Amino acid sequence: MEAKGQPMIWKEKSDLKLVLVLNDFIEKTGITSVRLYQKCLKDRPKEAPSLWFITQKYGSKR
């Protein structure tokens, strides 16, 4: 667990932990689309990484 008051540093997390956090967030909130992910993330910004971070880390490398 994160220490109280410490910011969540997503880039320091392993890929497995990130996938588990994303999966938990999606299941807990019932997300079915990217738009709904953004809306839920706006209400709970510290529970999951932003779409920008996900795209930068896992997006296609053209």
C-alpha atoms as a PDB file:
ATOM      1  CA  MET A   1       0.000   0.000   0.000  1.00  0.00           C
ATOM      2  CA  GLU A   2       1.013   3.575  -0.566  1.00  0.00           C
ATOM      3  CA  ALA A   3       1.908   5.690   2.434  1.00  0.00           C
ATOM      4  CA  LYS A   4      -0.782   8.209   3.274  1.00  0.00           C
ATOM      5  CA  GLY A   5      -0.134  11.532   1.573  1.00  0.00           C
ATOM      6  CA  GLN A   6       2.323  10.104  -0.955  1.00  0.00           C
ATOM      7  CA  PRO A   7       1.478  10.616  -4.644  1.00  0.00           C
ATOM      8  CA  MET A   8       0.891   7.574  -6.851  1.00  0.00           C
ATOM      9  CA  ILE A   9       3.797   7.224  -9.274  1.00  0.00           C
ATOM     10  CA  TRP A  10       2.450   5.057 -12.078  1.00  0.00           C
ATOM     11  CA  LYS A  11       5.700   4.892 -14.037  1.00  0.00           C
ATOM     12  CA  GLU A  12       7.390   3.187 -11.071  1.00  0.00           C
ATOM     13  CA  LYS A  13       4.856   0.335 -11.060  1.00  0.00           C
ATOM     14  CA  SER A  14       5.533  -2.945 -12.825  1.00  0.00           C
ATOM     15  CA  ASP A  15       3.452  -3.880 -15.864  1.00  0.00           C
ATOM     16  CA  LEU A  16       1.657  -6.588 -13.888  1.00  0.00           C
ATOM     17  CA  LYS A  17       0.662  -4.183 -11.103  1.00  0.00           C
ATOM     18  CA  LEU A  18      -0.567  -1.636 -13.647  1.00  0.00           C
ATOM     19  CA  VAL A  19      -2.690  -4.223 -15.431  1.00  0.00           C
ATOM     20  CA  LEU A  20      -4.143  -5.390 -12.113  1.00  0.00           C
ATOM     21  CA  VAL A  21      -4.962  -1.801 -11.086  1.00  0.00           C
ATOM     22  CA  LEU A  22      -6.596  -1.131 -14.455  1.00  0.00           C
ATOM     23  CA  ASN A  23      -8.581  -4.361 -14.328  1.00  0.00           C
ATOM     24  CA  ASP A  24      -9.778  -3.672 -10.781  1.00  0.00           C
ATOM     25  CA  PHE A  25     -10.785  -0.092 -11.665  1.00  0.00           C
ATOM     26  CA  ILE A  26     -12.657  -1.218 -14.787  1.00  0.00           C
ATOM     27  CA  GLU A  27     -14.510  -4.009 -12.972  1.00  0.00           C
ATOM     28  CA  LYS A  28     -15.334  -1.859  -9.942  1.00  0.00           C
ATOM     29  CA  THR A  29     -16.797   0.975 -12.010  1.00  0.00           C
ATOM     30  CA  GLY A  30     -18.371  -1.111 -14.794  1.00  0.00           C
ATOM     31  CA  ILE A  31     -16.499   0.699 -17.557  1.00  0.00           C
ATOM     32  CA  THR A  32     -17.432  -0.312 -21.096  1.00  0.00           C
ATOM     33  CA  SER A  33     -15.816   2.436 -23.185  1.00  0.00           C
ATOM     34  CA  VAL A  34     -12.875   4.826 -23.252  1.00  0.00           C
ATOM     35  CA  ARG A  35     -15.236   7.766 -22.771  1.00  0.00           C
ATOM     36  CA  LEU A  36     -16.658   6.184 -19.617  1.00  0.00           C
ATOM     37  CA  TYR A  37     -13.103   5.452 -18.399  1.00  0.00           C
ATOM     38  CA  GLN A  38     -12.255   9.147 -18.730  1.00  0.00           C
ATOM     39  CA  LYS A  39     -15.442  10.160 -16.907  1.00  0.00           C
ATOM     40  CA  CYS A  40     -14.829   7.730 -14.036  1.00  0.00           C
ATOM     41  CA  LEU A  41     -11.185   8.766 -13.849  1.00  0.00           C
ATOM     42  CA  LYS A  42     -12.257  12.399 -13.535  1.00  0.00           C
ATOM     43  CA  ASP A  43     -14.250  11.446 -10.417  1.00  0.00           C
ATOM     44  CA  ARG A  44     -11.455   9.226  -9.020  1.00  0.00           C
ATOM     45  CA  PRO A  45      -8.153  10.569 -10.417  1.00  0.00           C
ATOM     46  CA  LYS A  46      -5.813   8.677  -8.084  1.00  0.00           C
ATOM     47  CA  GLU A  47      -7.287   5.207  -8.573  1.00  0.00           C
ATOM     48  CA  ALA A  48      -5.954   4.502 -12.073  1.00  0.00           C
ATOM     49  CA  PRO A  49      -3.483   5.946 -14.593  1.00  0.00           C
ATOM     50  CA  SER A  50      -4.567   8.459 -17.216  1.00  0.00           C
ATOM     51  CA  LEU A  51      -5.190   7.539 -20.824  1.00  0.00           C
ATOM     52  CA  TRP A  52      -2.176   9.655 -21.787  1.00  0.00           C
ATOM     53  CA  PHE A  53       0.063   7.494 -19.570  1.00  0.00           C
ATOM     54  CA  ILE A  54      -1.435   4.254 -20.914  1.00  0.00           C
ATOM     55  CA  THR A  55      -0.974   5.412 -24.514  1.00  0.00           C
ATOM     56  CA  GLN A  56       2.604   6.509 -23.890  1.00  0.00           C
ATOM     57  CA  LYS A  57       3.537   3.241 -22.176  1.00  0.00           C
ATOM     58  CA  TYR A  58       1.581   0.705 -24.256  1.00  0.00           C
ATOM     59  CA  GLY A  59       0.565   2.557 -27.430  1.00  0.00           C
ATOM     60  CA  SER A  60       1.799   1.562 -30.842  1.00  0.00           C
ATOM     61  CA  LYS A  61       5.306   2.620 -31.799  1.00  0.00           C
ATOM     62  CA  ARG A  62       5.028   4.008 -35.329  1.00  0.00           C
END
